[in-house]
């Protein structure tokens, strides 16, 4: 074995190096293939992932996407998972990925909880910038994901379907706000703040159901207290008592404000009702708080984080009578009410993301990981007894039609040219789950919503059953729909799992063979018109503190972006032959 120390960053070698290797190959023609140990000569010494043994000539491989026969696979997209900030930085990672791949998939930044905020507002952050950069680079974007049970803004979604608070007059004392409906004027109400908000009363007919309403305009976003509207009560609220707020509200755009009680002498908060969600249509809001301090005389809306005009009407504040129980005060929403609320929220979310990304993102995971991992994988997942804080199982409320609805909304707001996939994991491990996913697609289409294709994640290892991989491909191909490997990465397996410091040359060569096998069998078993693509989920090995398969050498490159044997195996799979 020949050991050569050199840097792999620029992938250039000198003429002398090439001549030396050529002579060496000639002298070793009848011996085992020459191996090269790549060493990143950096200060502080080398790490195990920098000393991966590779077949000679790996640096002479071309960029991966050059090995795709486009005439034989006209719709195929070679994709890669990436973090938004890594891509928009346009540094080494951007250069490497755009050179090797056709398409990117964001790992997290297009998921619901990355965009929907605690108050229900949509914050797209740097997503528009990424789409512009991707478009300029000529690289497509696969949308991940419109609907999932994980990484959801569950606190907000649960608040939408929480039990309603009954404003039953028999449970409440008299209204403490004398000027509640603004039919005569806005006397008693005041506004102030660093944002210099303006306030007034609408024209006749501008209120809820007609009549008048009070409005407040905040010109710019600032701290919540930079725009406030308040009402000072004649008598302080009782410390320890519960008070019910009820009002009608709308705004010039969707958003939220906060509302609470304040001690006007020292501005201390003495009771918070929480957030008031605002839509462009009138809605009724009912909130409850318990007073937690003295001199609670100022009722106050904090509007500084909302830039626009807010309309208030029928604002009432009443004490809950002593002895009223929660069972009397709270009213559970019916299944039909929850269905209607969440359907509207699903539509709002899909409309919002399509409004930003739909012009460029033309393929999506419409629903991610729908199928159960229980005894019957033909059924949809349901929530466990104690779901995680970011889990929300839409299907528990909307049933099997949840995917029907998300697909219909996607086409309504994103266009009929979208390619929409249902995507799941372990399809190669549990073939009954694969069959269940296919059956679910048939159900979706029986309801009039078209499923364009299936996504199979394939987070696999060297000990994955290769025969089942082939069977999965054949099952998916038989549907006639597009087939996309959406999240491919391959670990070394073992019990315990083999990590990067413990990986051997044999492990890396076996990994290269498995990558080649997965890719070659895809092309062998998926007809040309159905080959939607393969996405490498983790192009680089995972660091020890990584959030995904931590400390496992799952990539085609090392952590330091050095090509591994897996790169050659993957390239050979794309080419359908041994390149070197």
Foldseek 3Di string as FASTA:
>chain_A
DDEDEDDPLVLDDDPVVVVVVVVVCVVQVPHPFDKYFYADPDPPGGALQRGFIAGPCPSVDAAQVVLFPCVQFVQAWAEAEDAQVVCLVCPSVVVNRLRRGQEYEYPQLLDALNAQDLLRHGDNDCVLVSLVSCVVSNHAYAAEALAEQFQHSVNNLCVLQFFDFDPDVVQWDFFQDPPFAQQPFDPQKDKAFQQPKDKGKDDFQPGDVTGIWIKIARADADPLQRIKMKGFTPDADDAFFKKKKKWKKAWPAWDKWWKFFAQVVVRDTFKTQGIDTHHRDIDMDMTMIGGHDPNRGMIMIRHRRDHGMMIIGRITMTTGDPPDDPVNGTGRDDLVSSLVSVLVSSLVSLLVSLVSPLVGHQEHAHYEAQFDPDPQRLHGDDADPDHDSRGDDPCVRNPLCPSLSSQVSNCVRRNPRHAYEHEYECCLVDVSNLVSVVVSQVVSVVVPGHHQAYEYAAAEELPRDLVSLLVSLQVRQVVVHAYEHEEHWYFHDDVVGDFSSRDDNVSLLSLLQVLLSNLQSNPVRHRSNRNNYYYHHDQEAADQPGPPPHRTGTHCAYPVRHGHSNVQSNSCSSNVHRPD
